[in-house]
Amino acid sequence: MSWCLCLTYAVATLERPIDLEIKQVDGKPAACMPVNDEQAQDEIQIKMVGVARPTGPASPDITYWRFELPAAAKPVYLKRGECLLYGQSLDGAIVHTQPKALDVNRTYYISIIPGGKYGLAYSAAFCVLKQADGAIRIAVPTQVDSPFGSLGY
């Protein structure tokens, strides 16, 4: 649903989504506004956020977290370098899908749809990996053919 939302929004605006930066904070993925992207705004107002995992070309994505901030809610902004943590609670948000536990060795997509006068959608992919010591690592896919890229998978 997240990727679908972003793709629908991108097609409607006829532009490619702006890449979010993915970080790991307290073992969870965090989607961060890019610091050095020329297309990115200095800040955006959050309208909708979705995280989904694709399941295949003929089956629907699995939504892991989705919420929107209605026009009546107090606006929430993200500035360059600021992050939204997976599952983070925002005042006034209508949560359509509560955050679910993320499966290991899977690729997910997060999309942030801006509201107000803020144009393009923001999106990124991330993987949840289990390391040899049992610790969880959030990583960014690096190759199209392998969602885990050069991460040893």
N, C-alpha and C. Protein backbone atom coordinates (compact mmCIF):
# COMPACT_ATOMS: atom_id res chain seq x y z
N MET A 1 0.83 -1.20 0.00
CA MET A 1 0.00 0.00 0.00
C MET A 1 0.87 1.25 0.00
N SER A 2 1.93 1.25 0.80
CA SER A 2 2.82 2.40 0.86
C SER A 2 3.43 2.70 -0.50
N TRP A 3 4.00 1.67 -1.11
CA TRP A 3 4.63 1.85 -2.41
C TRP A 3 3.57 2.24 -3.43
N CYS A 4 2.42 1.61 -3.34
CA CYS A 4 1.32 1.92 -4.25
C CYS A 4 0.88 3.38 -4.08
N LEU A 5 0.75 3.84 -2.84
CA LEU A 5 0.38 5.23 -2.59
C LEU A 5 1.38 6.17 -3.21
N CYS A 6 2.65 5.87 -3.00
CA CYS A 6 3.70 6.73 -3.51
C CYS A 6 3.70 6.71 -5.03
N LEU A 7 3.58 5.53 -5.62
CA LEU A 7 3.58 5.41 -7.07
C LEU A 7 2.39 6.16 -7.66
N THR A 8 1.22 6.02 -7.06
CA THR A 8 0.03 6.72 -7.54
C THR A 8 0.25 8.23 -7.46
N TYR A 9 0.81 8.67 -6.35
CA TYR A 9 1.06 10.10 -6.16
C TYR A 9 2.09 10.59 -7.16
N ALA A 10 3.14 9.79 -7.38
CA ALA A 10 4.20 10.18 -8.32
C ALA A 10 3.66 10.27 -9.74
N VAL A 11 2.82 9.32 -10.14
CA VAL A 11 2.24 9.34 -11.47
C VAL A 11 1.35 10.57 -11.63
N ALA A 12 0.60 10.87 -10.60
CA ALA A 12 -0.29 12.03 -10.66
C ALA A 12 0.50 13.33 -10.82
N THR A 13 1.68 13.40 -10.23
CA THR A 13 2.50 14.59 -10.35
C THR A 13 3.52 14.47 -11.48
N LEU A 14 3.60 13.28 -12.12
CA LEU A 14 4.50 13.01 -13.23
C LEU A 14 5.97 13.17 -12.87
N GLU A 15 6.30 12.96 -11.64
CA GLU A 15 7.69 13.04 -11.21
C GLU A 15 8.01 11.88 -10.29
N ARG A 16 9.28 11.52 -10.29
CA ARG A 16 9.78 10.44 -9.45
C ARG A 16 9.84 10.91 -7.99
N PRO A 17 9.49 10.02 -7.04
CA PRO A 17 9.59 10.41 -5.62
C PRO A 17 11.03 10.78 -5.25
N ILE A 18 11.16 11.61 -4.27
CA ILE A 18 12.47 11.98 -3.74
C ILE A 18 12.90 10.91 -2.75
N ASP A 19 14.17 10.52 -2.82
CA ASP A 19 14.68 9.46 -1.94
C ASP A 19 14.83 9.94 -0.50
N LEU A 20 14.24 9.17 0.41
CA LEU A 20 14.47 9.39 1.84
C LEU A 20 15.79 8.70 2.21
N GLU A 21 16.39 9.12 3.28
CA GLU A 21 17.57 8.43 3.82
C GLU A 21 17.07 7.52 4.93
N ILE A 22 17.56 6.28 4.96
CA ILE A 22 17.16 5.32 5.98
C ILE A 22 18.27 5.17 7.01
N LYS A 23 17.89 5.26 8.26
CA LYS A 23 18.82 5.07 9.37
C LYS A 23 18.23 4.04 10.33
N GLN A 24 19.04 3.57 11.25
CA GLN A 24 18.57 2.68 12.30
C GLN A 24 18.64 3.42 13.62
N VAL A 25 17.50 3.47 14.31
CA VAL A 25 17.43 4.13 15.61
C VAL A 25 16.76 3.16 16.58
N ASP A 26 17.47 2.78 17.62
CA ASP A 26 16.94 1.84 18.62
C ASP A 26 16.41 0.56 17.98
N GLY A 27 17.10 0.06 16.96
CA GLY A 27 16.72 -1.19 16.31
C GLY A 27 15.57 -1.07 15.33
N LYS A 28 15.08 0.15 15.09
CA LYS A 28 13.96 0.36 14.17
C LYS A 28 14.42 1.21 12.99
N PRO A 29 13.74 1.04 11.85
CA PRO A 29 14.06 1.93 10.72
C PRO A 29 13.53 3.33 10.98
N ALA A 30 14.29 4.30 10.51
CA ALA A 30 13.89 5.70 10.58
C ALA A 30 14.03 6.29 9.18
N ALA A 31 12.97 6.90 8.68
CA ALA A 31 12.98 7.56 7.38
C ALA A 31 13.33 9.03 7.61
N CYS A 32 14.41 9.45 6.98
CA CYS A 32 14.93 10.80 7.23
C CYS A 32 14.88 11.65 5.98
N MET A 33 14.55 12.91 6.17
CA MET A 33 14.57 13.85 5.06
C MET A 33 16.00 13.96 4.56
N PRO A 34 16.18 13.93 3.23
CA PRO A 34 17.54 14.02 2.69
C PRO A 34 18.17 15.37 3.01
N VAL A 35 19.46 15.33 3.27
CA VAL A 35 20.18 16.55 3.61
C VAL A 35 20.66 17.28 2.36
N ASN A 36 21.09 16.51 1.34
CA ASN A 36 21.74 17.13 0.18
C ASN A 36 21.01 16.94 -1.14
N ASP A 37 19.75 16.64 -1.15
CA ASP A 37 19.01 16.44 -2.40
C ASP A 37 18.49 17.78 -2.90
N GLU A 38 18.84 18.13 -4.14
CA GLU A 38 18.44 19.42 -4.68
C GLU A 38 16.93 19.55 -4.88
N GLN A 39 16.24 18.43 -5.11
CA GLN A 39 14.78 18.48 -5.31
C GLN A 39 14.01 18.57 -4.00
N ALA A 40 14.62 18.12 -2.92
CA ALA A 40 13.92 18.08 -1.64
C ALA A 40 13.67 19.49 -1.10
N GLN A 41 12.53 19.63 -0.45
CA GLN A 41 12.21 20.89 0.22
C GLN A 41 13.04 20.99 1.51
N ASP A 42 13.16 22.19 2.05
CA ASP A 42 13.85 22.35 3.33
C ASP A 42 13.05 21.72 4.46
N GLU A 43 11.72 21.68 4.29
CA GLU A 43 10.84 20.99 5.22
C GLU A 43 9.58 20.59 4.49
N ILE A 44 8.92 19.55 4.99
CA ILE A 44 7.63 19.16 4.43
C ILE A 44 6.63 18.98 5.57
N GLN A 45 5.39 19.17 5.25
CA GLN A 45 4.30 18.87 6.17
C GLN A 45 3.86 17.44 5.86
N ILE A 46 3.75 16.61 6.88
CA ILE A 46 3.36 15.22 6.67
C ILE A 46 1.84 15.13 6.52
N LYS A 47 1.41 14.51 5.42
CA LYS A 47 -0.02 14.26 5.20
C LYS A 47 -0.34 12.78 5.41
N MET A 48 0.52 11.90 4.84
CA MET A 48 0.27 10.47 4.93
C MET A 48 1.60 9.72 4.93
N VAL A 49 1.65 8.62 5.67
CA VAL A 49 2.83 7.76 5.71
C VAL A 49 2.38 6.32 5.59
N GLY A 50 3.11 5.55 4.81
CA GLY A 50 2.80 4.14 4.68
C GLY A 50 4.06 3.31 4.56
N VAL A 51 4.04 2.13 5.16
CA VAL A 51 5.12 1.15 5.04
C VAL A 51 4.49 -0.15 4.57
N ALA A 52 5.06 -0.73 3.52
CA ALA A 52 4.50 -1.97 2.96
C ALA A 52 5.63 -2.89 2.51
N ARG A 53 5.27 -4.16 2.38
CA ARG A 53 6.19 -5.17 1.85
C ARG A 53 5.56 -5.78 0.62
N PRO A 54 6.27 -5.73 -0.52
CA PRO A 54 5.72 -6.35 -1.72
C PRO A 54 5.72 -7.87 -1.57
N THR A 55 4.72 -8.50 -2.18
CA THR A 55 4.62 -9.96 -2.08
C THR A 55 4.74 -10.64 -3.44
N GLY A 56 4.77 -9.87 -4.49
CA GLY A 56 4.89 -10.43 -5.82
C GLY A 56 4.13 -9.61 -6.82
N PRO A 57 4.39 -9.85 -8.11
CA PRO A 57 3.79 -9.01 -9.14
C PRO A 57 2.27 -9.15 -9.26
N ALA A 58 1.71 -10.28 -8.87
CA ALA A 58 0.28 -10.50 -9.03
C ALA A 58 -0.49 -10.47 -7.72
N SER A 59 0.17 -10.16 -6.63
CA SER A 59 -0.51 -10.15 -5.35
C SER A 59 -0.32 -8.78 -4.68
N PRO A 60 -1.24 -8.42 -3.81
CA PRO A 60 -1.16 -7.09 -3.19
C PRO A 60 -0.03 -7.00 -2.16
N ASP A 61 0.47 -5.79 -1.98
CA ASP A 61 1.46 -5.55 -0.93
C ASP A 61 0.81 -5.76 0.44
N ILE A 62 1.64 -6.09 1.41
CA ILE A 62 1.18 -6.19 2.80
C ILE A 62 1.51 -4.87 3.48
N THR A 63 0.50 -4.21 4.01
CA THR A 63 0.71 -2.94 4.70
C THR A 63 1.14 -3.23 6.14
N TYR A 64 2.25 -2.62 6.55
CA TYR A 64 2.77 -2.82 7.89
C TYR A 64 2.50 -1.65 8.81
N TRP A 65 2.27 -0.48 8.23
CA TRP A 65 1.96 0.71 9.03
C TRP A 65 1.45 1.78 8.09
N ARG A 66 0.36 2.41 8.45
CA ARG A 66 -0.16 3.50 7.62
C ARG A 66 -0.99 4.45 8.47
N PHE A 67 -0.72 5.73 8.27
CA PHE A 67 -1.52 6.74 8.96
C PHE A 67 -1.61 7.98 8.09
N GLU A 68 -2.56 8.82 8.42
CA GLU A 68 -2.67 10.12 7.77
C GLU A 68 -2.96 11.18 8.81
N LEU A 69 -2.57 12.39 8.50
CA LEU A 69 -2.86 13.53 9.35
C LEU A 69 -3.92 14.37 8.63
N PRO A 70 -5.15 14.37 9.15
CA PRO A 70 -6.21 15.14 8.49
C PRO A 70 -5.94 16.64 8.59
N ALA A 71 -6.61 17.39 7.74
CA ALA A 71 -6.43 18.85 7.70
C ALA A 71 -6.72 19.49 9.05
N ALA A 72 -7.62 18.89 9.84
CA ALA A 72 -7.99 19.46 11.13
C ALA A 72 -6.92 19.24 12.21
N ALA A 73 -5.98 18.31 11.97
CA ALA A 73 -4.94 18.01 12.96
C ALA A 73 -3.86 19.10 12.94
N LYS A 74 -3.17 19.22 14.06
CA LYS A 74 -2.04 20.15 14.13
C LYS A 74 -0.98 19.68 13.12
N PRO A 75 -0.50 20.56 12.25
CA PRO A 75 0.48 20.15 11.25
C PRO A 75 1.77 19.63 11.89
N VAL A 76 2.34 18.60 11.26
CA VAL A 76 3.62 18.04 11.68
C VAL A 76 4.57 18.21 10.50
N TYR A 77 5.76 18.72 10.78
CA TYR A 77 6.74 18.99 9.74
C TYR A 77 8.01 18.18 9.97
N LEU A 78 8.67 17.82 8.87
CA LEU A 78 10.00 17.22 8.91
C LEU A 78 10.93 18.15 8.15
N LYS A 79 12.05 18.51 8.78
CA LYS A 79 13.06 19.34 8.13
C LYS A 79 14.19 18.46 7.64
N ARG A 80 15.02 19.01 6.78
CA ARG A 80 16.18 18.27 6.28
C ARG A 80 16.96 17.66 7.44
N GLY A 81 17.25 16.36 7.33
CA GLY A 81 18.01 15.66 8.36
C GLY A 81 17.16 15.10 9.49
N GLU A 82 15.91 15.52 9.62
CA GLU A 82 15.03 14.99 10.66
C GLU A 82 14.42 13.68 10.19
N CYS A 83 14.07 12.84 11.17
CA CYS A 83 13.61 11.49 10.86
C CYS A 83 12.25 11.19 11.48
N LEU A 84 11.55 10.26 10.85
CA LEU A 84 10.31 9.69 11.37
C LEU A 84 10.62 8.23 11.67
N LEU A 85 10.47 7.83 12.91
CA LEU A 85 10.78 6.48 13.35
C LEU A 85 9.60 5.55 13.08
N TYR A 86 9.89 4.35 12.61
CA TYR A 86 8.84 3.37 12.35
C TYR A 86 7.99 3.18 13.60
N GLY A 87 6.68 3.36 13.46
CA GLY A 87 5.75 3.21 14.58
C GLY A 87 5.57 4.44 15.44
N GLN A 88 6.26 5.52 15.11
CA GLN A 88 6.19 6.74 15.90
C GLN A 88 4.76 7.27 15.94
N SER A 89 4.34 7.69 17.11
CA SER A 89 3.00 8.23 17.30
C SER A 89 3.02 9.74 17.06
N LEU A 90 2.05 10.22 16.30
CA LEU A 90 1.94 11.66 16.04
C LEU A 90 0.55 12.12 16.48
N ASP A 91 0.51 13.21 17.21
CA ASP A 91 -0.76 13.76 17.68
C ASP A 91 -1.69 14.06 16.51
N GLY A 92 -2.93 13.63 16.63
CA GLY A 92 -3.93 13.92 15.63
C GLY A 92 -3.96 12.97 14.45
N ALA A 93 -3.02 12.03 14.40
CA ALA A 93 -2.96 11.10 13.28
C ALA A 93 -4.10 10.09 13.34
N ILE A 94 -4.64 9.77 12.17
CA ILE A 94 -5.60 8.68 12.05
C ILE A 94 -4.81 7.47 11.57
N VAL A 95 -4.69 6.47 12.44
CA VAL A 95 -3.90 5.29 12.12
C VAL A 95 -4.80 4.27 11.44
N HIS A 96 -4.50 3.96 10.19
CA HIS A 96 -5.27 2.98 9.42
C HIS A 96 -4.74 1.57 9.65
N THR A 97 -3.42 1.46 9.84
CA THR A 97 -2.79 0.17 10.13
C THR A 97 -1.77 0.40 11.24
N GLN A 98 -1.99 -0.22 12.39
CA GLN A 98 -1.04 -0.13 13.49
C GLN A 98 0.29 -0.75 13.05
N PRO A 99 1.43 -0.25 13.55
CA PRO A 99 2.71 -0.82 13.14
C PRO A 99 2.81 -2.29 13.54
N LYS A 100 3.17 -3.12 12.57
CA LYS A 100 3.34 -4.55 12.79
C LYS A 100 4.82 -4.86 12.96
N ALA A 101 5.12 -6.01 13.57
CA ALA A 101 6.51 -6.45 13.66
C ALA A 101 7.03 -6.69 12.24
N LEU A 102 8.23 -6.21 11.97
CA LEU A 102 8.83 -6.37 10.65
C LEU A 102 9.51 -7.73 10.55
N ASP A 103 9.28 -8.41 9.44
CA ASP A 103 9.88 -9.73 9.21
C ASP A 103 11.34 -9.58 8.78
N VAL A 104 12.16 -10.51 9.23
CA VAL A 104 13.58 -10.51 8.90
C VAL A 104 13.77 -10.99 7.47
N ASN A 105 14.81 -10.48 6.84
CA ASN A 105 15.19 -10.84 5.46
C ASN A 105 14.12 -10.49 4.45
N ARG A 106 13.48 -9.37 4.66
CA ARG A 106 12.46 -8.87 3.75
C ARG A 106 12.76 -7.41 3.40
N THR A 107 12.28 -7.00 2.25
CA THR A 107 12.42 -5.62 1.82
C THR A 107 11.09 -4.90 2.00
N TYR A 108 11.17 -3.69 2.49
CA TYR A 108 10.00 -2.85 2.74
C TYR A 108 10.17 -1.52 2.02
N TYR A 109 9.05 -0.86 1.79
CA TYR A 109 9.06 0.47 1.20
C TYR A 109 8.30 1.41 2.13
N ILE A 110 8.87 2.58 2.33
CA ILE A 110 8.18 3.62 3.10
C ILE A 110 7.96 4.81 2.18
N SER A 111 6.79 5.40 2.30
CA SER A 111 6.46 6.60 1.53
C SER A 111 5.89 7.65 2.46
N ILE A 112 6.30 8.86 2.24
CA ILE A 112 5.74 10.01 2.95
C ILE A 112 5.13 10.92 1.89
N ILE A 113 3.84 11.15 2.02
CA ILE A 113 3.12 12.03 1.12
C ILE A 113 2.95 13.37 1.83
N PRO A 114 3.50 14.43 1.24
CA PRO A 114 3.40 15.73 1.89
C PRO A 114 2.03 16.37 1.70
N GLY A 115 1.70 17.24 2.60
CA GLY A 115 0.46 18.00 2.50
C GLY A 115 0.75 19.46 2.24
N GLY A 116 -0.30 20.24 2.22
CA GLY A 116 -0.14 21.68 2.02
C GLY A 116 0.48 22.00 0.67
N LYS A 117 1.38 22.95 0.66
CA LYS A 117 2.01 23.42 -0.57
C LYS A 117 3.23 22.59 -0.97
N TYR A 118 3.51 21.52 -0.24
CA TYR A 118 4.71 20.72 -0.47
C TYR A 118 4.43 19.68 -1.53
N GLY A 119 5.23 19.65 -2.60
CA GLY A 119 4.95 18.89 -3.80
C GLY A 119 5.20 17.41 -3.79
N LEU A 120 6.38 17.00 -4.15
CA LEU A 120 6.69 15.61 -4.46
C LEU A 120 6.61 14.68 -3.25
N ALA A 121 6.32 13.41 -3.55
CA ALA A 121 6.34 12.37 -2.52
C ALA A 121 7.78 12.01 -2.20
N TYR A 122 7.98 11.41 -1.03
CA TYR A 122 9.30 10.95 -0.59
C TYR A 122 9.20 9.45 -0.33
N SER A 123 10.22 8.70 -0.71
CA SER A 123 10.13 7.25 -0.61
C SER A 123 11.51 6.63 -0.45
N ALA A 124 11.54 5.41 0.10
CA ALA A 124 12.79 4.65 0.23
C ALA A 124 12.47 3.19 0.48
N ALA A 125 13.43 2.34 0.20
CA ALA A 125 13.35 0.92 0.50
C ALA A 125 14.35 0.62 1.61
N PHE A 126 14.01 -0.38 2.42
CA PHE A 126 14.95 -0.83 3.44
C PHE A 126 14.74 -2.32 3.68
N CYS A 127 15.77 -2.96 4.22
CA CYS A 127 15.73 -4.38 4.55
C CYS A 127 15.93 -4.54 6.05
N VAL A 128 15.34 -5.58 6.59
CA VAL A 128 15.55 -5.94 7.99
C VAL A 128 16.38 -7.22 7.97
N LEU A 129 17.58 -7.15 8.50
CA LEU A 129 18.49 -8.29 8.47
C LEU A 129 18.82 -8.76 9.88
N LYS A 130 18.99 -10.06 10.04
CA LYS A 130 19.41 -10.62 11.32
C LYS A 130 20.88 -10.99 11.19
N GLN A 131 21.71 -10.43 12.04
CA GLN A 131 23.14 -10.68 12.00
C GLN A 131 23.48 -11.98 12.71
N ALA A 132 24.71 -12.44 12.53
CA ALA A 132 25.16 -13.70 13.12
C ALA A 132 25.00 -13.72 14.64
N ASP A 133 25.15 -12.56 15.28
CA ASP A 133 25.02 -12.50 16.74
C ASP A 133 23.57 -12.37 17.19
N GLY A 134 22.63 -12.38 16.23
CA GLY A 134 21.21 -12.29 16.56
C GLY A 134 20.66 -10.88 16.54
N ALA A 135 21.54 -9.89 16.43
CA ALA A 135 21.10 -8.50 16.41
C ALA A 135 20.41 -8.18 15.08
N ILE A 136 19.48 -7.25 15.13
CA ILE A 136 18.78 -6.80 13.94
C ILE A 136 19.52 -5.61 13.35
N ARG A 137 19.59 -5.60 12.02
CA ARG A 137 20.24 -4.50 11.32
C ARG A 137 19.30 -4.00 10.23
N ILE A 138 19.13 -2.70 10.17
CA ILE A 138 18.34 -2.07 9.12
C ILE A 138 19.33 -1.64 8.05
N ALA A 139 19.08 -2.07 6.81
CA ALA A 139 20.00 -1.77 5.71
C ALA A 139 19.21 -1.29 4.50
N VAL A 140 19.93 -0.69 3.57
CA VAL A 140 19.33 -0.19 2.34
C VAL A 140 19.73 -1.11 1.21
N PRO A 141 18.77 -1.59 0.41
CA PRO A 141 19.12 -2.43 -0.74
C PRO A 141 20.05 -1.67 -1.69
N THR A 142 20.99 -2.41 -2.29
CA THR A 142 21.95 -1.75 -3.17
C THR A 142 21.90 -2.21 -4.61
N GLN A 143 21.18 -3.30 -4.88
CA GLN A 143 21.10 -3.81 -6.24
C GLN A 143 19.66 -4.19 -6.55
N VAL A 144 19.28 -4.01 -7.80
CA VAL A 144 17.91 -4.35 -8.22
C VAL A 144 17.69 -5.85 -8.15
N ASP A 145 18.66 -6.65 -8.59
CA ASP A 145 18.48 -8.11 -8.63
C ASP A 145 18.45 -8.76 -7.26
N SER A 146 19.14 -8.18 -6.30
CA SER A 146 19.18 -8.73 -4.96
C SER A 146 18.76 -7.66 -3.97
N PRO A 147 17.65 -7.84 -3.28
CA PRO A 147 17.20 -6.81 -2.35
C PRO A 147 18.18 -6.57 -1.20
N PHE A 148 19.07 -7.53 -1.00
CA PHE A 148 20.03 -7.38 0.10
C PHE A 148 21.40 -6.96 -0.41
N GLY A 149 21.51 -6.70 -1.71
CA GLY A 149 22.70 -6.13 -2.31
C GLY A 149 23.99 -6.78 -1.86
N SER A 150 24.90 -5.95 -1.46
CA SER A 150 26.23 -6.43 -1.06
C SER A 150 26.31 -6.66 0.45
N LEU A 151 25.20 -7.01 1.07
CA LEU A 151 25.18 -7.17 2.52
C LEU A 151 25.45 -8.60 2.96
N GLY A 152 25.89 -9.42 2.03
CA GLY A 152 26.21 -10.79 2.39
C GLY A 152 25.07 -11.75 2.23
N TYR A 153 24.00 -11.37 1.57
CA TYR A 153 22.86 -12.27 1.35
C TYR A 153 22.77 -12.62 -0.10
